[in-house]
Amino acid sequence: MRLLWLLPKAAPALLRHLVGYIDLVSLDLRRAQRELVAELVISVILAICALFALLMGCLAVVAYTWDTPYRMTAIAWMGGGFLVAAIVAAGYRIKAVRAKSEFLGSLRREWHADRALLDRILTAEEE
């Protein structure tokens, strides 16, 4: 019964916490949006530049070795080089994904802290 009497006193604090949660969500969403946009822009630029560089490099190697017995060897080496580059790029991609911040992480941490505090308050009131 005492808990019902304390509810009007706790309402402003609960509303401040709710506003705080909304602020944390907006901050986390803005950070996630910035990270996603930056990652997309960098990935697109990298992909386009790498594609043109690889095409020009392959064309130069094939043109240079076309009338020689090393034509197939050069093509095989280029294929192996592309495979190694793909493996290295996949490793960097995995590293970047692991380093990314947790989505709504600060909100989740604050919610757990407040929930523990609320549990302690409610169990103290029931006793």
Protein backbone atom coordinates (compact mmCIF):
# COMPACT_ATOMS: atom_id res chain seq x y z
CA MET A 1 0.00 0.00 0.00
CA ARG A 2 2.86 2.32 0.80
CA LEU A 3 4.13 1.82 -2.76
CA LEU A 4 0.97 3.46 -4.13
CA TRP A 5 1.56 6.52 -1.94
CA LEU A 6 5.14 6.79 -3.19
CA LEU A 7 4.13 6.66 -6.86
CA PRO A 8 3.26 10.40 -7.19
CA LYS A 9 6.61 11.29 -5.65
CA ALA A 10 8.45 8.93 -8.00
CA ALA A 11 6.63 10.06 -11.17
CA PRO A 12 8.96 13.03 -11.94
CA ALA A 13 12.01 10.83 -11.54
CA LEU A 14 10.47 8.17 -13.74
CA LEU A 15 9.65 10.77 -16.40
CA ARG A 16 13.23 12.11 -16.27
CA HIS A 17 14.50 8.56 -16.75
CA LEU A 18 12.14 8.07 -19.68
CA VAL A 19 13.41 11.28 -21.29
CA GLY A 20 16.95 10.12 -20.60
CA TYR A 21 16.24 6.81 -22.33
CA ILE A 22 14.84 8.65 -25.34
CA ASP A 23 17.98 10.80 -25.48
CA LEU A 24 20.20 7.72 -25.29
CA VAL A 25 18.25 6.02 -28.07
CA SER A 26 18.55 9.09 -30.29
CA LEU A 27 22.30 9.34 -29.63
CA ASP A 28 22.82 5.65 -30.33
CA LEU A 29 20.77 5.82 -33.52
CA ARG A 30 22.70 8.85 -34.78
CA ARG A 31 26.03 7.15 -34.03
CA ALA A 32 24.90 3.97 -35.78
CA GLN A 33 23.73 6.00 -38.78
CA ARG A 34 27.06 7.87 -39.01
CA GLU A 35 29.02 4.61 -38.79
CA LEU A 36 26.86 2.94 -41.43
CA VAL A 37 27.04 5.85 -43.87
CA ALA A 38 30.80 6.18 -43.45
CA GLU A 39 31.26 2.45 -43.93
CA LEU A 40 29.10 2.44 -47.06
CA VAL A 41 30.83 5.44 -48.64
CA ILE A 42 34.28 4.03 -47.98
CA SER A 43 33.27 0.60 -49.26
CA VAL A 44 31.81 1.99 -52.49
CA ILE A 45 34.82 4.20 -53.20
CA LEU A 46 37.19 1.34 -52.43
CA ALA A 47 35.27 -1.09 -54.62
CA ILE A 48 35.16 1.25 -57.61
CA CYS A 49 38.84 2.20 -57.38
CA ALA A 50 39.93 -1.38 -56.84
CA LEU A 51 37.85 -2.59 -59.78
CA PHE A 52 39.36 -0.07 -62.19
CA ALA A 53 42.89 -0.66 -60.90
CA LEU A 54 42.53 -4.40 -61.26
CA LEU A 55 41.05 -4.15 -64.73
CA MET A 56 43.84 -1.86 -65.92
CA GLY A 57 46.50 -4.03 -64.30
CA CYS A 58 45.11 -7.20 -65.84
CA LEU A 59 44.85 -5.57 -69.22
CA ALA A 60 48.46 -4.41 -69.00
CA VAL A 61 49.74 -7.86 -67.99
CA VAL A 62 47.78 -9.65 -70.72
CA ALA A 63 48.88 -7.11 -73.34
CA TYR A 64 52.51 -7.41 -72.26
CA THR A 65 52.58 -11.22 -72.28
CA TRP A 66 50.16 -11.96 -75.12
CA ASP A 67 52.70 -13.07 -77.75
CA THR A 68 54.90 -14.98 -75.29
CA PRO A 69 54.80 -18.49 -73.85
CA TYR A 70 54.20 -16.94 -70.38
CA ARG A 71 50.68 -15.79 -71.22
CA MET A 72 48.92 -18.54 -69.20
CA THR A 73 51.42 -18.27 -66.35
CA ALA A 74 50.77 -14.53 -66.04
CA ILE A 75 47.00 -15.08 -65.99
CA ALA A 76 47.37 -17.79 -63.32
CA TRP A 77 49.54 -15.52 -61.15
CA MET A 78 46.97 -12.74 -61.44
CA GLY A 79 44.24 -15.15 -60.34
CA GLY A 80 46.34 -16.19 -57.34
CA GLY A 81 47.00 -12.56 -56.47
CA PHE A 82 43.29 -11.80 -56.54
CA LEU A 83 42.63 -14.75 -54.25
CA VAL A 84 45.23 -13.53 -51.73
CA ALA A 85 43.78 -9.99 -51.91
CA ALA A 86 40.28 -11.34 -51.29
CA ILE A 87 41.45 -13.29 -48.24
CA VAL A 88 43.23 -10.23 -46.81
CA ALA A 89 40.17 -8.05 -47.45
CA ALA A 90 37.92 -10.59 -45.73
CA GLY A 91 40.23 -10.54 -42.71
CA TYR A 92 40.06 -6.74 -42.50
CA ARG A 93 36.27 -6.86 -42.90
CA ILE A 94 35.93 -9.31 -40.02
CA LYS A 95 38.13 -7.07 -37.87
CA ALA A 96 36.02 -4.01 -38.70
CA VAL A 97 32.76 -5.81 -37.89
CA ARG A 98 34.10 -6.92 -34.50
CA ALA A 99 35.24 -3.38 -33.65
CA LYS A 100 31.86 -1.82 -34.38
CA SER A 101 30.02 -0.42 -31.37
CA GLU A 102 27.02 -2.28 -30.00
CA PHE A 103 23.67 -1.04 -31.30
CA LEU A 104 21.81 0.79 -28.49
CA GLY A 105 24.55 -0.27 -26.09
CA SER A 106 24.40 2.73 -23.75
CA LEU A 107 20.63 2.42 -23.47
CA ARG A 108 20.94 -1.27 -22.60
CA ARG A 109 23.55 -0.59 -19.91
CA GLU A 110 21.47 2.16 -18.32
CA TRP A 111 18.33 0.01 -18.43
CA HIS A 112 20.07 -2.85 -16.60
CA ALA A 113 21.45 -0.47 -13.97
CA ASP A 114 18.04 1.14 -13.42
CA ARG A 115 16.30 -2.22 -13.33
CA ALA A 116 18.64 -3.45 -10.61
CA LEU A 117 18.03 -0.26 -8.64
CA LEU A 118 14.26 -0.56 -9.06
CA ASP A 119 14.37 -4.20 -7.94
CA ARG A 120 16.25 -3.19 -4.79
CA ILE A 121 13.75 -0.40 -4.06
CA LEU A 122 10.74 -2.64 -4.56
CA THR A 123 12.13 -5.46 -2.44
CA ALA A 124 12.96 -2.97 0.33
CA GLU A 125 9.39 -1.61 0.22
CA GLU A 126 7.82 -5.07 0.41
CA GLU A 127 9.72 -5.99 3.57
